[in-house]
Amino acid sequence: MIPGEKRRKTMDRMEMAKKLYTQAQRMTIGMAASVVAYGAIGYYLVQMGKVGPAILNAQTYPLVKYGALGVSILGIFAMWQLDRRMFNAFPAQIPDTERPPQRLFVRTVLMSAGAELPLLLGMVLVFLGRQALDFIPFAIVSLTGFSLAFPRKQQWSNWLGADF
């Protein structure tokens, strides 16, 4: 390999990393902002009477609510653990200078998608039980997931073996 070609390949890799990092940040922030939008829409629909009658009765509603909240918390925890295991297992196989930045982007996308699960469960609960304020705990769990999914520059720099 010609020395100039290796430098150009590294620069292209770093330029791609910058672009992917910026896209990952914007995507995560946008998805986190959707938490507020979903909450506002659910609250509006329930308060204006645009949602049908409550499907869950008073006895089953708490079971469904706390069950869904437990599933949400376990989902965020499992997502975080899986990410740590996958992220730490890969670096020893490939030198720092050849690690693909796309892997970090895919990681962010998957973690952000996992952080949406509590949000969706909360919206379903709002529509089934017609209690708009019960969305708040699910929003908090979802925002916690987004904070874990948010790309950190130090992590990307360590992964790539260079500051970009």
Protein backbone atom coordinates (compact mmCIF):
# COMPACT_ATOMS: atom_id res chain seq x y z
CA MET A 1 0.00 0.00 0.00
CA ILE A 2 1.30 3.46 -0.89
CA PRO A 3 1.84 5.69 2.21
CA GLY A 4 -0.31 8.51 0.83
CA GLU A 5 -3.12 6.07 0.07
CA LYS A 6 -3.16 4.86 3.68
CA ARG A 7 -3.37 8.46 4.93
CA ARG A 8 -6.24 9.21 2.50
CA LYS A 9 -8.09 6.08 3.63
CA THR A 10 -7.70 7.16 7.28
CA MET A 11 -8.94 10.66 6.46
CA ASP A 12 -11.94 9.26 4.64
CA ARG A 13 -12.66 7.06 7.62
CA MET A 14 -12.42 10.04 9.99
CA GLU A 15 -14.64 12.18 7.75
CA MET A 16 -17.20 9.39 7.69
CA ALA A 17 -16.94 9.09 11.48
CA LYS A 18 -17.63 12.83 11.88
CA LYS A 19 -20.69 12.62 9.65
CA LEU A 20 -22.03 9.48 11.33
CA TYR A 21 -21.41 10.95 14.78
CA THR A 22 -23.37 14.09 13.88
CA GLN A 23 -26.19 12.03 12.39
CA ALA A 24 -26.30 9.79 15.46
CA GLN A 25 -26.55 12.82 17.74
CA ARG A 26 -29.33 14.42 15.71
CA MET A 27 -31.26 11.17 15.44
CA THR A 28 -31.08 10.48 19.17
CA ILE A 29 -32.12 14.03 20.07
CA GLY A 30 -34.99 13.87 17.59
CA MET A 31 -36.22 10.57 18.94
CA ALA A 32 -35.95 11.85 22.51
CA ALA A 33 -37.98 14.93 21.53
CA SER A 34 -40.69 12.60 20.26
CA VAL A 35 -41.32 11.65 23.90
CA VAL A 36 -42.76 15.11 24.52
CA ALA A 37 -44.75 15.03 21.29
CA TYR A 38 -46.26 11.62 22.07
CA GLY A 39 -47.16 12.73 25.57
CA ALA A 40 -48.80 15.91 24.34
CA ILE A 41 -50.77 14.06 21.66
CA GLY A 42 -51.93 11.37 24.10
CA TYR A 43 -52.92 13.96 26.70
CA TYR A 44 -54.81 16.02 24.13
CA LEU A 45 -56.70 13.04 22.74
CA VAL A 46 -57.74 11.81 26.17
CA GLN A 47 -58.74 15.26 27.45
CA MET A 48 -60.74 16.09 24.32
CA GLY A 49 -62.58 12.77 24.44
CA LYS A 50 -61.19 11.61 21.10
CA VAL A 51 -60.30 8.20 22.53
CA GLY A 52 -62.93 5.50 23.00
CA PRO A 53 -64.00 4.19 26.40
CA ALA A 54 -61.45 2.65 28.74
CA ILE A 55 -60.95 -1.00 27.90
CA LEU A 56 -59.17 -1.97 31.12
CA ASN A 57 -61.23 -2.15 34.30
CA ALA A 58 -60.09 -0.86 37.68
CA GLN A 59 -58.80 -4.27 38.83
CA THR A 60 -56.66 -5.12 35.82
CA TYR A 61 -55.36 -1.62 35.06
CA PRO A 62 -52.69 -1.54 37.81
CA LEU A 63 -51.49 -5.02 36.84
CA VAL A 64 -51.10 -4.00 33.21
CA LYS A 65 -49.55 -0.65 34.13
CA TYR A 66 -46.90 -2.02 36.49
CA GLY A 67 -46.27 -5.04 34.29
CA ALA A 68 -45.62 -2.81 31.28
CA LEU A 69 -43.44 -0.52 33.40
CA GLY A 70 -41.44 -3.53 34.61
CA VAL A 71 -41.01 -4.78 31.04
CA SER A 72 -39.86 -1.29 30.02
CA ILE A 73 -37.26 -1.07 32.77
CA LEU A 74 -36.00 -4.58 32.06
CA GLY A 75 -35.84 -3.78 28.34
CA ILE A 76 -33.69 -0.69 28.93
CA PHE A 77 -31.43 -2.62 31.32
CA ALA A 78 -31.09 -5.53 28.90
CA MET A 79 -30.35 -3.14 26.03
CA TRP A 80 -27.63 -1.46 28.11
CA GLN A 81 -26.06 -4.81 29.12
CA LEU A 82 -26.17 -6.20 25.58
CA ASP A 83 -24.54 -3.04 24.28
CA ARG A 84 -21.73 -3.28 26.82
CA ARG A 85 -21.09 -6.93 25.99
CA MET A 86 -21.11 -6.38 22.23
CA PHE A 87 -19.04 -3.22 22.42
CA ASN A 88 -16.35 -4.72 24.66
CA ALA A 89 -16.06 -8.04 22.81
CA PHE A 90 -15.16 -6.57 19.43
CA PRO A 91 -12.12 -4.28 19.99
CA ALA A 92 -9.52 -7.01 20.56
CA GLN A 93 -10.16 -8.56 17.15
CA ILE A 94 -9.41 -5.55 14.94
CA PRO A 95 -6.73 -2.85 15.33
CA ASP A 96 -7.93 0.64 16.30
CA THR A 97 -7.04 2.10 12.92
CA GLU A 98 -9.29 -0.32 11.03
CA ARG A 99 -12.44 -0.30 13.16
CA PRO A 100 -15.47 0.79 11.15
CA PRO A 101 -17.38 3.87 12.38
CA GLN A 102 -20.57 2.37 10.95
CA ARG A 103 -20.66 -0.09 13.84
CA LEU A 104 -21.01 2.77 16.31
CA PHE A 105 -23.78 4.30 14.25
CA VAL A 106 -25.70 1.01 14.11
CA ARG A 107 -25.23 0.67 17.86
CA THR A 108 -26.78 4.09 18.40
CA VAL A 109 -29.70 3.30 16.09
CA LEU A 110 -30.42 0.00 17.87
CA MET A 111 -30.19 1.52 21.34
CA SER A 112 -32.45 4.41 20.33
CA ALA A 113 -34.97 1.96 18.92
CA GLY A 114 -34.86 0.06 22.21
CA ALA A 115 -35.45 3.30 24.11
CA GLU A 116 -38.69 3.75 22.12
CA LEU A 117 -40.23 0.58 23.63
CA PRO A 118 -41.30 2.19 26.94
CA LEU A 119 -42.70 5.12 25.01
CA LEU A 120 -44.89 2.88 22.88
CA LEU A 121 -46.05 0.83 25.85
CA GLY A 122 -46.97 4.05 27.66
CA MET A 123 -49.02 5.27 24.71
CA VAL A 124 -50.88 1.96 24.48
CA LEU A 125 -51.61 2.17 28.21
CA VAL A 126 -52.92 5.73 27.83
CA PHE A 127 -55.32 4.64 25.11
CA LEU A 128 -56.44 1.48 26.92
CA GLY A 129 -56.94 3.10 30.32
CA ARG A 130 -57.66 6.73 29.41
CA GLN A 131 -55.35 8.02 32.14
CA ALA A 132 -52.98 10.41 30.40
CA LEU A 133 -50.72 11.08 33.38
CA ASP A 134 -49.69 7.44 33.56
CA PHE A 135 -47.57 8.14 30.49
CA ILE A 136 -45.04 10.05 32.64
CA PRO A 137 -43.21 7.05 34.19
CA PHE A 138 -42.85 5.49 30.75
CA ALA A 139 -41.51 8.78 29.39
CA ILE A 140 -38.91 8.89 32.17
CA VAL A 141 -37.79 5.32 31.45
CA SER A 142 -37.65 6.11 27.73
CA LEU A 143 -35.59 9.28 28.29
CA THR A 144 -33.22 7.26 30.47
CA GLY A 145 -32.80 4.86 27.56
CA PHE A 146 -32.07 7.76 25.22
CA SER A 147 -29.45 9.12 27.61
CA LEU A 148 -27.73 5.71 27.50
CA ALA A 149 -28.03 5.62 23.70
CA PHE A 150 -26.69 9.14 23.14
CA PRO A 151 -23.32 8.98 21.33
CA ARG A 152 -20.36 10.19 23.36
CA LYS A 153 -17.40 11.63 21.53
CA GLN A 154 -14.85 10.06 23.89
CA GLN A 155 -16.33 6.62 23.26
CA TRP A 156 -16.18 7.13 19.48
CA SER A 157 -12.59 8.41 19.71
CA ASN A 158 -11.51 5.43 21.80
CA TRP A 159 -13.21 3.03 19.38
CA LEU A 160 -11.63 4.59 16.29
CA GLY A 161 -8.21 5.03 17.88
CA ALA A 162 -8.07 8.71 16.91
CA ASP A 163 -9.72 11.98 17.76
CA PHE A 164 -11.90 13.36 15.03
